[in-house]
C-alpha cells in the first residue's frame, strides 16, 4: 500500500471522528444515525493511522506530499 493521506488530511479525519464520537456520547445524535456515523468515524481513524485511503487509491488521488 502506497501512502496517499497527507498530514493535514490525517488531522482533519481525526478531528471529524472525535466530533462524531462526542456528539454520540452526549446523545446529540442517536439511533441508526449514530451507529452509521460512528462506523464512518472508525473508518476515518483507521485510514488516518494507516496513511492509506482506498477511495483515494480508486480515484487516483493523493494528499501526501512527494519527496524529490
N, C-alpha and C. Protein backbone atom coordinates (compact mmCIF):
# COMPACT_ATOMS: atom_id res chain seq x y z
N UNK A 1 0.83 -1.18 0.00
CA UNK A 1 0.00 0.00 0.00
C UNK A 1 0.88 1.24 0.00
N UNK A 2 0.62 2.10 -0.94
CA UNK A 2 1.35 3.34 -1.05
C UNK A 2 0.62 4.42 -0.26
N UNK A 3 1.37 5.23 0.48
CA UNK A 3 0.76 6.31 1.26
C UNK A 3 0.03 7.27 0.32
N UNK A 4 -1.19 7.65 0.68
CA UNK A 4 -1.89 8.65 -0.10
C UNK A 4 -2.70 9.62 0.77
N UNK A 5 -2.41 9.64 2.07
CA UNK A 5 -3.08 10.55 3.00
C UNK A 5 -2.03 11.44 3.64
N UNK A 6 -2.14 12.75 3.41
CA UNK A 6 -1.18 13.71 3.95
C UNK A 6 -1.48 14.07 5.39
N UNK A 7 -0.59 14.85 5.98
CA UNK A 7 -0.71 15.18 7.41
C UNK A 7 -1.92 16.06 7.70
N UNK A 8 -2.22 17.03 6.86
CA UNK A 8 -3.40 17.86 7.08
C UNK A 8 -4.67 17.02 6.95
N UNK A 9 -4.71 16.15 5.98
CA UNK A 9 -5.84 15.25 5.78
C UNK A 9 -6.03 14.34 7.00
N UNK A 10 -4.93 13.83 7.53
CA UNK A 10 -4.99 12.98 8.72
C UNK A 10 -5.59 13.74 9.91
N UNK A 11 -5.14 14.97 10.10
CA UNK A 11 -5.62 15.78 11.21
C UNK A 11 -7.12 16.05 11.08
N UNK A 12 -7.56 16.38 9.89
CA UNK A 12 -8.98 16.65 9.66
C UNK A 12 -9.81 15.40 9.90
N UNK A 13 -9.33 14.24 9.44
CA UNK A 13 -10.06 12.99 9.65
C UNK A 13 -10.22 12.67 11.13
N UNK A 14 -9.15 12.84 11.91
CA UNK A 14 -9.21 12.55 13.35
C UNK A 14 -10.13 13.54 14.06
N UNK A 15 -10.09 14.80 13.68
CA UNK A 15 -10.97 15.80 14.31
C UNK A 15 -12.44 15.50 14.01
N UNK A 16 -12.75 15.15 12.78
CA UNK A 16 -14.13 14.81 12.42
C UNK A 16 -14.59 13.60 13.21
N UNK A 17 -13.74 12.60 13.32
CA UNK A 17 -14.08 11.40 14.09
C UNK A 17 -14.32 11.74 15.55
N UNK A 18 -13.49 12.60 16.12
CA UNK A 18 -13.66 12.99 17.52
C UNK A 18 -14.97 13.73 17.74
N UNK A 19 -15.34 14.60 16.81
CA UNK A 19 -16.60 15.33 16.92
C UNK A 19 -17.78 14.36 16.87
N UNK A 20 -17.73 13.39 15.96
CA UNK A 20 -18.81 12.41 15.85
C UNK A 20 -18.93 11.59 17.14
N UNK A 21 -17.80 11.18 17.70
CA UNK A 21 -17.83 10.41 18.95
C UNK A 21 -18.42 11.25 20.08
N UNK A 22 -18.03 12.49 20.19
CA UNK A 22 -18.57 13.36 21.24
C UNK A 22 -20.06 13.61 21.05
N UNK A 23 -20.50 13.83 19.81
CA UNK A 23 -21.93 14.03 19.57
C UNK A 23 -22.73 12.79 19.93
N UNK A 24 -22.17 11.64 19.66
CA UNK A 24 -22.85 10.40 20.02
C UNK A 24 -22.84 10.19 21.53
N UNK A 25 -21.73 10.48 22.17
CA UNK A 25 -21.61 10.30 23.62
C UNK A 25 -22.61 11.18 24.37
N UNK A 26 -22.74 12.43 23.94
CA UNK A 26 -23.67 13.36 24.59
C UNK A 26 -25.08 13.26 24.03
N UNK A 27 -25.33 12.24 23.25
CA UNK A 27 -26.64 11.91 22.70
C UNK A 27 -27.27 13.03 21.88
N UNK A 28 -26.43 13.78 21.18
CA UNK A 28 -26.93 14.77 20.24
C UNK A 28 -27.43 14.03 19.00
N UNK A 29 -26.69 12.99 18.62
CA UNK A 29 -27.15 12.09 17.56
C UNK A 29 -27.43 10.74 18.21
N UNK A 30 -28.53 10.12 17.82
CA UNK A 30 -28.91 8.85 18.43
C UNK A 30 -29.43 7.90 17.36
N UNK A 31 -29.63 6.68 17.77
CA UNK A 31 -30.26 5.68 16.91
C UNK A 31 -29.37 5.23 15.76
N UNK A 32 -30.01 4.99 14.64
CA UNK A 32 -29.33 4.47 13.46
C UNK A 32 -28.29 5.47 12.94
N UNK A 33 -28.62 6.74 12.97
CA UNK A 33 -27.68 7.76 12.50
C UNK A 33 -26.39 7.72 13.32
N UNK A 34 -26.53 7.52 14.61
CA UNK A 34 -25.37 7.44 15.49
C UNK A 34 -24.49 6.24 15.13
N UNK A 35 -25.11 5.10 14.90
CA UNK A 35 -24.35 3.89 14.55
C UNK A 35 -23.62 4.07 13.23
N UNK A 36 -24.31 4.61 12.24
CA UNK A 36 -23.69 4.81 10.93
C UNK A 36 -22.54 5.80 11.01
N UNK A 37 -22.76 6.92 11.71
CA UNK A 37 -21.70 7.93 11.83
C UNK A 37 -20.51 7.42 12.64
N UNK A 38 -20.76 6.60 13.65
CA UNK A 38 -19.65 6.02 14.41
C UNK A 38 -18.84 5.05 13.54
N UNK A 39 -19.50 4.32 12.66
CA UNK A 39 -18.80 3.42 11.74
C UNK A 39 -17.94 4.23 10.77
N UNK A 40 -18.48 5.34 10.27
CA UNK A 40 -17.71 6.21 9.39
C UNK A 40 -16.53 6.82 10.14
N UNK A 41 -16.74 7.21 11.38
CA UNK A 41 -15.66 7.76 12.20
C UNK A 41 -14.55 6.73 12.40
N UNK A 42 -14.94 5.48 12.60
CA UNK A 42 -13.95 4.42 12.77
C UNK A 42 -13.12 4.25 11.50
N UNK A 43 -13.77 4.30 10.36
CA UNK A 43 -13.05 4.18 9.08
C UNK A 43 -12.10 5.36 8.91
N UNK A 44 -12.54 6.56 9.28
CA UNK A 44 -11.68 7.74 9.17
C UNK A 44 -10.43 7.60 10.03
N UNK A 45 -10.59 7.10 11.24
CA UNK A 45 -9.44 6.93 12.14
C UNK A 45 -8.50 5.85 11.61
N UNK A 46 -9.05 4.74 11.14
CA UNK A 46 -8.21 3.66 10.62
C UNK A 46 -7.42 4.12 9.40
N UNK A 47 -8.08 4.81 8.47
CA UNK A 47 -7.38 5.27 7.28
C UNK A 47 -6.36 6.35 7.63
N UNK A 48 -6.63 7.11 8.68
CA UNK A 48 -5.69 8.13 9.12
C UNK A 48 -4.41 7.50 9.65
N UNK A 49 -4.55 6.47 10.51
CA UNK A 49 -3.37 5.83 11.07
C UNK A 49 -2.64 4.95 10.07
N UNK A 50 -3.35 4.42 9.09
CA UNK A 50 -2.73 3.57 8.07
C UNK A 50 -2.08 4.40 6.96
N UNK A 51 -2.37 5.70 6.92
CA UNK A 51 -1.87 6.58 5.85
C UNK A 51 -2.31 6.13 4.47
N UNK A 52 -3.41 5.41 4.40
CA UNK A 52 -3.90 4.89 3.12
C UNK A 52 -5.41 4.95 3.10
N UNK A 53 -5.95 5.52 2.02
CA UNK A 53 -7.40 5.59 1.83
C UNK A 53 -7.75 4.86 0.54
N UNK A 54 -8.51 3.75 0.63
CA UNK A 54 -8.86 3.00 -0.58
C UNK A 54 -9.64 3.84 -1.60
N UNK A 55 -10.47 4.75 -1.13
CA UNK A 55 -11.23 5.60 -2.05
C UNK A 55 -10.29 6.52 -2.83
N UNK A 56 -9.29 7.07 -2.15
CA UNK A 56 -8.30 7.90 -2.84
C UNK A 56 -7.56 7.06 -3.88
N UNK A 57 -7.21 5.84 -3.52
CA UNK A 57 -6.49 4.97 -4.45
C UNK A 57 -7.35 4.67 -5.68
N UNK A 58 -8.63 4.42 -5.48
CA UNK A 58 -9.52 4.13 -6.60
C UNK A 58 -9.69 5.35 -7.51
N UNK A 59 -9.66 6.54 -6.92
CA UNK A 59 -9.82 7.76 -7.71
C UNK A 59 -8.48 8.29 -8.23
N UNK A 60 -7.38 7.68 -7.81
CA UNK A 60 -6.06 8.14 -8.23
C UNK A 60 -5.65 9.45 -7.57
N UNK A 61 -6.17 9.72 -6.40
CA UNK A 61 -5.90 10.97 -5.68
C UNK A 61 -4.91 10.72 -4.56
N UNK A 62 -4.16 11.75 -4.20
CA UNK A 62 -3.24 11.66 -3.08
C UNK A 62 -3.08 13.04 -2.46
N UNK A 63 -3.14 13.11 -1.13
CA UNK A 63 -2.91 14.38 -0.43
C UNK A 63 -1.55 14.35 0.25
N UNK A 64 -0.81 13.27 0.01
CA UNK A 64 0.52 13.12 0.61
C UNK A 64 1.54 13.85 -0.26
N UNK A 65 2.40 14.64 0.38
CA UNK A 65 3.41 15.35 -0.38
C UNK A 65 4.48 14.38 -0.86
N UNK A 66 5.03 14.66 -2.00
CA UNK A 66 6.07 13.79 -2.56
C UNK A 66 7.44 14.38 -2.28
N UNK A 67 8.39 13.51 -1.97
CA UNK A 67 9.76 13.93 -1.74
C UNK A 67 10.53 13.87 -3.05
N UNK A 68 11.38 14.87 -3.28
CA UNK A 68 12.19 14.89 -4.50
C UNK A 68 13.63 14.63 -4.19
